[in-house]
């Protein structure tokens, strides 16, 4: 781990060089995920994350057009740019919580062969560098499972507020454990074509590796998007996107522990796939993204794949 942190530090230093003639600013993003869109309340039940990013957009010396309008339409983390004349750099801090539950919330006893109750509260530091052709990101995530995550208290309080069924099995949740993950991610554009006026279709490949005590996995994917080909306008625009990924899962602490003595861990699926589709609406002072994700079975005994929705609003 010391070697990994040293390599991470050296990489951050190498990426920290920021050319002159740059615009910059801050973004705040709030994301909510929930499976209520599918009429369920099980497995990955909900997730909440708040991200604060400082972004810097630099321009090459041969840029032929630049407008002050850029400040109204900053780049978006996680999205490849269309303008070959700039590079976007993001330094971000995120705070979030994820909640996992079995299929029967009314059962007070431990349910064998089903997903255990689990809460994961975390903080994540990340550095991202994106251009037209590729995007690189490195992140360190640290947090806690168990009662210290406060996931049980939050879910019970929220269900009481909306007069929904009370989750009654949180006494059997995964125990307290501090965990840390290191994530390296890369996305590269493999095809692009202008289809109508300012709109452009882009197809990219993505690779992500996570190594840690909370999660260990390797994820490969394809990302397709259709959106405006320039970010210089104040005019509202819409970007449509879809993502297909397949993950080889080596560790998932929400499934296999640490469980209280006498409890049996469920057997995780080695390969988990996801399909996501949605749209992102850009306005003068913010972006609203809405998507739906279909995730395959994550453990043996899971009745079926799961669907959940994501709403993310980013403002500056």
Protein backbone atom coordinates (compact mmCIF):
# COMPACT_ATOMS: atom_id res chain seq x y z
CA UNK A 1 0.00 0.00 0.00
CA UNK A 2 2.89 2.42 0.71
CA UNK A 3 4.19 1.81 -2.80
CA UNK A 4 0.72 2.44 -4.25
CA UNK A 5 0.38 5.74 -2.39
CA UNK A 6 3.86 6.83 -3.52
CA UNK A 7 2.99 6.09 -7.16
CA UNK A 8 -0.30 7.95 -6.71
CA UNK A 9 1.50 11.00 -5.33
CA UNK A 10 3.98 11.02 -8.22
CA UNK A 11 1.15 10.73 -10.72
CA UNK A 12 -0.74 13.65 -9.15
CA UNK A 13 2.40 15.78 -9.34
CA UNK A 14 2.84 14.92 -13.02
CA UNK A 15 -0.77 15.87 -13.74
CA UNK A 16 -0.71 19.08 -11.72
CA UNK A 17 0.91 21.20 -14.45
CA UNK A 18 -1.66 23.75 -15.59
CA UNK A 19 -0.98 25.75 -18.79
CA UNK A 20 -1.58 29.49 -18.95
CA UNK A 21 -4.62 31.13 -20.52
CA UNK A 22 -7.17 29.09 -18.56
CA UNK A 23 -10.68 29.65 -17.33
CA UNK A 24 -11.64 28.14 -14.00
CA UNK A 25 -14.43 27.82 -11.50
CA UNK A 26 -16.24 25.53 -9.07
CA UNK A 27 -19.02 22.99 -9.45
CA UNK A 28 -21.34 21.47 -6.85
CA UNK A 29 -23.12 18.27 -7.79
CA UNK A 30 -25.88 16.50 -5.83
CA UNK A 31 -26.77 12.95 -6.88
CA UNK A 32 -29.62 10.74 -5.65
CA UNK A 33 -30.07 7.09 -6.61
CA UNK A 34 -33.07 4.96 -5.67
CA UNK A 35 -34.80 1.80 -6.86
CA UNK A 36 -38.26 3.31 -6.32
CA UNK A 37 -38.46 3.86 -10.10
CA UNK A 38 -38.90 0.09 -10.41
CA UNK A 39 -41.40 -0.11 -7.54
CA UNK A 40 -38.97 -2.02 -5.31
CA UNK A 41 -37.05 -1.40 -2.09
CA UNK A 42 -34.31 -4.03 -1.93
CA UNK A 43 -30.68 -4.82 -2.76
CA UNK A 44 -29.13 -1.44 -3.65
CA UNK A 45 -31.92 0.58 -2.02
CA UNK A 46 -30.60 4.15 -2.27
CA UNK A 47 -27.54 6.34 -2.53
CA UNK A 48 -26.83 10.01 -1.88
CA UNK A 49 -23.64 11.85 -2.89
CA UNK A 50 -22.51 15.47 -2.85
CA UNK A 51 -19.45 16.45 -4.91
CA UNK A 52 -17.55 19.73 -4.89
CA UNK A 53 -15.15 20.20 -7.82
CA UNK A 54 -12.69 22.88 -8.78
CA UNK A 55 -12.21 22.92 -12.54
CA UNK A 56 -9.64 24.52 -14.77
CA UNK A 57 -9.97 24.65 -18.56
CA UNK A 58 -6.81 25.45 -20.47
CA UNK A 59 -6.46 26.44 -24.12
CA UNK A 60 -3.71 25.58 -26.54
CA UNK A 61 -1.62 28.31 -28.13
CA UNK A 62 -3.28 27.72 -31.50
CA UNK A 63 -6.85 28.33 -30.30
CA UNK A 64 -8.67 30.38 -32.91
CA UNK A 65 -11.84 31.19 -31.01
CA UNK A 66 -12.52 32.01 -27.40
CA UNK A 67 -15.52 33.60 -25.76
CA UNK A 68 -16.28 34.73 -22.24
CA UNK A 69 -19.42 32.63 -22.51
CA UNK A 70 -17.30 29.69 -21.32
CA UNK A 71 -17.80 30.73 -17.71
CA UNK A 72 -21.54 30.02 -18.06
CA UNK A 73 -21.00 26.54 -19.43
CA UNK A 74 -18.09 24.85 -17.62
CA UNK A 75 -17.00 21.30 -18.47
CA UNK A 76 -18.65 18.31 -16.86
CA UNK A 77 -16.63 15.75 -14.87
CA UNK A 78 -16.72 12.36 -16.50
CA UNK A 79 -17.57 13.62 -19.99
CA UNK A 80 -15.11 13.78 -22.88
CA UNK A 81 -14.93 17.21 -24.52
CA UNK A 82 -15.66 18.03 -28.15
CA UNK A 83 -13.27 20.97 -28.56
CA UNK A 84 -9.76 19.75 -29.37
CA UNK A 85 -8.34 23.08 -28.22
CA UNK A 86 -8.82 22.62 -24.48
CA UNK A 87 -8.01 20.34 -21.57
CA UNK A 88 -10.20 20.23 -18.47
CA UNK A 89 -8.79 19.43 -15.03
CA UNK A 90 -10.96 18.58 -12.03
CA UNK A 91 -9.98 18.27 -8.35
CA UNK A 92 -12.95 16.99 -6.38
CA UNK A 93 -14.08 15.95 -2.92
CA UNK A 94 -17.22 13.85 -2.47
CA UNK A 95 -19.23 12.76 0.56
CA UNK A 96 -21.81 10.03 0.21
CA UNK A 97 -23.79 7.16 1.64
CA UNK A 98 -25.16 3.95 0.11
CA UNK A 99 -27.84 1.72 1.63
CA UNK A 100 -28.34 -2.01 0.91
CA UNK A 101 -31.22 -4.16 2.18
CA UNK A 102 -32.66 -7.68 1.73
CA UNK A 103 -35.89 -8.28 -0.19
CA UNK A 104 -38.16 -8.52 2.89
CA UNK A 105 -38.04 -5.38 5.05
CA UNK A 106 -40.75 -6.63 7.43
CA UNK A 107 -38.70 -9.57 8.71
CA UNK A 108 -37.08 -8.92 12.10
CA UNK A 109 -34.99 -12.09 12.06
CA UNK A 110 -31.81 -12.67 10.10
CA UNK A 111 -32.60 -13.80 6.54
CA UNK A 112 -30.10 -16.40 5.28
CA UNK A 113 -29.24 -16.60 1.57
CA UNK A 114 -30.28 -13.00 1.00
CA UNK A 115 -28.38 -9.74 0.85
CA UNK A 116 -27.61 -8.52 4.37
CA UNK A 117 -28.44 -5.04 5.58
CA UNK A 118 -25.44 -2.80 4.94
CA UNK A 119 -24.58 0.88 5.08
CA UNK A 120 -21.50 2.48 3.49
CA UNK A 121 -20.66 6.12 4.30
CA UNK A 122 -17.56 7.55 2.67
CA UNK A 123 -15.46 10.47 1.54
CA UNK A 124 -13.64 10.46 -1.81
CA UNK A 125 -10.81 12.60 -3.17
CA UNK A 126 -10.27 12.52 -6.93
CA UNK A 127 -8.21 14.12 -9.69
CA UNK A 128 -9.38 14.05 -13.30
CA UNK A 129 -7.88 15.26 -16.55
CA UNK A 130 -10.05 15.24 -19.69
CA UNK A 131 -9.57 16.27 -23.31
CA UNK A 132 -11.36 15.51 -26.54
CA UNK A 133 -9.71 12.13 -26.97
CA UNK A 134 -9.35 10.73 -23.46
CA UNK A 135 -10.12 11.08 -19.78
CA UNK A 136 -7.99 9.89 -16.84
CA UNK A 137 -9.13 9.82 -13.24
CA UNK A 138 -7.59 8.69 -9.96
CA UNK A 139 -9.54 8.54 -6.71
CA UNK A 140 -9.11 7.47 -3.09
CA UNK A 141 -12.27 6.52 -1.19
CA UNK A 142 -12.32 5.98 2.59
CA UNK A 143 -15.31 5.26 4.79
CA UNK A 144 -17.06 2.97 7.22
CA UNK A 145 -19.57 0.13 7.11
CA UNK A 146 -21.87 -0.88 9.94
CA UNK A 147 -23.85 1.12 12.52
CA UNK A 148 -21.24 3.90 12.33
CA UNK A 149 -22.41 4.62 8.78
CA UNK A 150 -25.79 5.75 10.23
CA UNK A 151 -27.52 4.18 7.23
CA UNK A 152 -30.07 2.33 9.36
CA UNK A 153 -31.12 5.46 11.25
CA UNK A 154 -31.44 7.43 8.02
CA UNK A 155 -33.54 4.83 6.24
CA UNK A 156 -35.87 4.28 9.19
CA UNK A 157 -36.36 8.04 9.63
CA UNK A 158 -37.02 8.61 5.94
CA UNK A 159 -39.51 5.73 5.70
CA UNK A 160 -41.33 7.10 8.73
CA UNK A 161 -41.42 10.56 7.14
CA UNK A 162 -43.03 9.28 3.93
CA UNK A 163 -45.23 6.73 5.79
CA UNK A 164 -43.55 3.80 4.06
CA UNK A 165 -42.88 0.28 5.38
CA UNK A 166 -40.42 0.29 8.27
CA UNK A 167 -37.21 -1.67 7.62
CA UNK A 168 -37.10 -3.90 10.72
CA UNK A 169 -33.92 -5.93 10.28
CA UNK A 170 -31.13 -3.40 10.77
CA UNK A 171 -30.05 -5.22 13.94
CA UNK A 172 -28.52 -7.79 11.57
CA UNK A 173 -26.47 -5.40 9.45
CA UNK A 174 -22.81 -5.77 8.54
CA UNK A 175 -20.62 -4.79 11.48
CA UNK A 176 -18.46 -1.68 11.83
CA UNK A 177 -15.38 -1.69 9.61
CA UNK A 178 -13.24 1.09 8.17
CA UNK A 179 -12.29 0.55 4.51
CA UNK A 180 -10.28 2.31 1.82
CA UNK A 181 -10.18 1.92 -1.98
CA UNK A 182 -7.91 3.17 -4.75
CA UNK A 183 -9.55 3.62 -8.18
CA UNK A 184 -7.88 4.25 -11.54
CA UNK A 185 -10.14 5.05 -14.50
CA UNK A 186 -9.55 5.77 -18.17
CA UNK A 187 -11.92 6.59 -21.01
CA UNK A 188 -10.86 6.96 -24.64
CA UNK A 189 -12.82 8.17 -27.65
CA UNK A 190 -12.86 5.57 -30.42
CA UNK A 191 -15.37 7.09 -32.88
CA UNK A 192 -17.08 10.42 -33.48
CA UNK A 193 -19.28 11.84 -36.21
CA UNK A 194 -21.25 15.04 -36.67
CA UNK A 195 -24.87 14.08 -37.35
CA UNK A 196 -26.84 17.34 -37.46
CA UNK A 197 -25.76 20.95 -37.08
CA UNK A 198 -23.92 21.22 -33.76
CA UNK A 199 -24.80 17.69 -32.63
CA UNK A 200 -22.17 14.99 -32.56
CA UNK A 201 -22.31 11.25 -31.87
CA UNK A 202 -19.40 9.89 -29.82
CA UNK A 203 -18.47 6.34 -28.87
CA UNK A 204 -15.86 5.73 -26.17
CA UNK A 205 -14.31 2.78 -24.36
CA UNK A 206 -13.72 2.81 -20.61
CA UNK A 207 -11.55 0.84 -18.20
CA UNK A 208 -11.67 1.06 -14.42
CA UNK A 209 -9.70 -0.81 -11.76
CA UNK A 210 -10.50 -0.61 -8.04
CA UNK A 211 -8.29 -2.16 -5.37
CA UNK A 212 -9.17 -1.93 -1.70
CA UNK A 213 -10.81 -3.36 1.39
CA UNK A 214 -14.34 -2.24 0.44
CA UNK A 215 -14.30 -3.15 -3.25
CA UNK A 216 -11.92 -4.87 -5.63
CA UNK A 217 -13.01 -5.12 -9.25
CA UNK A 218 -12.11 -4.58 -12.88
CA UNK A 219 -14.72 -2.85 -15.05
CA UNK A 220 -14.79 -2.54 -18.85
CA UNK A 221 -17.38 -0.59 -20.77
CA UNK A 222 -18.63 1.32 -23.80
CA UNK A 223 -20.15 4.81 -23.62
CA UNK A 224 -22.25 6.38 -26.37
CA UNK A 225 -23.44 9.98 -26.34
CA UNK A 226 -25.24 12.41 -28.63
CA UNK A 227 -24.92 16.07 -27.76
CA UNK A 228 -23.83 19.55 -28.71
CA UNK A 229 -20.46 19.71 -30.40
CA UNK A 230 -19.37 22.94 -28.71
CA UNK A 231 -19.61 24.38 -25.23
CA UNK A 232 -19.31 28.07 -26.12
CA UNK A 233 -23.00 28.90 -26.20
CA UNK A 234 -25.29 30.08 -23.42
CA UNK A 235 -28.18 28.34 -25.18
CA UNK A 236 -29.79 25.40 -23.41
CA UNK A 237 -28.87 22.01 -24.85
CA UNK A 238 -29.50 18.32 -24.25
CA UNK A 239 -27.04 15.40 -24.31
CA UNK A 240 -28.30 11.82 -24.57
CA UNK A 241 -26.06 9.03 -23.30
CA UNK A 242 -25.92 5.30 -22.68
CA UNK A 243 -23.34 3.11 -20.96
CA UNK A 244 -22.77 -0.66 -20.99
CA UNK A 245 -20.28 -2.18 -18.53
CA UNK A 246 -19.13 -5.59 -17.35
CA UNK A 247 -17.28 -6.00 -14.04
CA UNK A 248 -15.19 -8.83 -12.68
CA UNK A 249 -15.81 -8.60 -8.94
CA UNK A 250 -13.12 -9.74 -6.54
CA UNK A 251 -14.47 -8.19 -3.34
CA UNK A 252 -17.75 -6.58 -2.30
CA UNK A 253 -17.96 -5.92 1.43
CA UNK A 254 -21.69 -5.24 1.28
CA UNK A 255 -22.19 -8.93 0.43
CA UNK A 256 -19.61 -10.95 2.32
CA UNK A 257 -18.89 -9.26 5.55
CA UNK A 258 -17.91 -8.60 8.15
CA UNK A 259 -21.07 -10.30 9.42
CA UNK A 260 -21.96 -11.04 13.07
CA UNK A 261 -20.94 -14.44 14.40
CA UNK A 262 -23.16 -17.27 13.23
CA UNK A 263 -24.25 -15.53 10.02
CA UNK A 264 -23.54 -16.98 6.59
CA UNK A 265 -22.14 -14.84 3.79
CA UNK A 266 -23.93 -14.94 0.46
CA UNK A 267 -21.92 -15.98 -2.56
CA UNK A 268 -21.27 -12.98 -4.83
CA UNK A 269 -21.48 -13.14 -8.61
CA UNK A 270 -18.07 -12.94 -10.27
CA UNK A 271 -19.39 -11.04 -13.31
CA UNK A 272 -21.85 -8.16 -12.96
CA UNK A 273 -23.13 -6.17 -15.95
CA UNK A 274 -24.93 -2.83 -16.16
CA UNK A 275 -26.83 -0.92 -18.81
CA UNK A 276 -27.57 2.77 -18.22
CA UNK A 277 -29.36 5.28 -20.44
CA UNK A 278 -30.41 8.85 -19.81
CA UNK A 279 -30.17 12.49 -20.76
CA UNK A 280 -28.45 15.60 -19.45
CA UNK A 281 -29.99 19.05 -19.84
CA UNK A 282 -27.63 22.02 -19.71
CA UNK A 283 -29.02 25.38 -18.66
CA UNK A 284 -27.40 28.74 -17.95
CA UNK A 285 -26.37 28.01 -14.38
CA UNK A 286 -26.68 24.27 -14.05
CA UNK A 287 -27.08 20.79 -15.50
CA UNK A 288 -29.76 18.24 -14.72
CA UNK A 289 -29.08 14.59 -15.56
CA UNK A 290 -31.62 11.77 -15.30
CA UNK A 291 -30.89 8.12 -16.05
CA UNK A 292 -32.10 4.56 -15.44
CA UNK A 293 -29.72 1.65 -14.77
CA UNK A 294 -30.36 -2.07 -15.10
CA UNK A 295 -27.89 -4.16 -13.08
CA UNK A 296 -27.56 -7.94 -13.32
CA UNK A 297 -27.66 -10.28 -10.31
CA UNK A 298 -24.92 -9.52 -7.78
CA UNK A 299 -25.17 -12.70 -5.71
CA UNK A 300 -26.42 -16.25 -5.93
CA UNK A 301 -30.02 -16.44 -4.78
CA UNK A 302 -30.92 -12.95 -5.97
CA UNK A 303 -34.35 -13.28 -7.54
CA UNK A 304 -33.67 -11.09 -10.58
CA UNK A 305 -31.64 -8.22 -11.90
CA UNK A 306 -32.28 -4.77 -10.43
CA UNK A 307 -33.37 -1.42 -11.83
CA UNK A 308 -32.67 1.92 -10.17
CA UNK A 309 -32.81 5.55 -11.19
CA UNK A 310 -30.33 8.41 -10.85
CA UNK A 311 -30.98 12.14 -10.61
CA UNK A 312 -28.00 14.49 -10.58
CA UNK A 313 -28.04 18.28 -10.52
CA UNK A 314 -24.82 20.24 -11.00
CA UNK A 315 -24.67 23.99 -10.48
CA UNK A 316 -21.98 26.68 -10.49
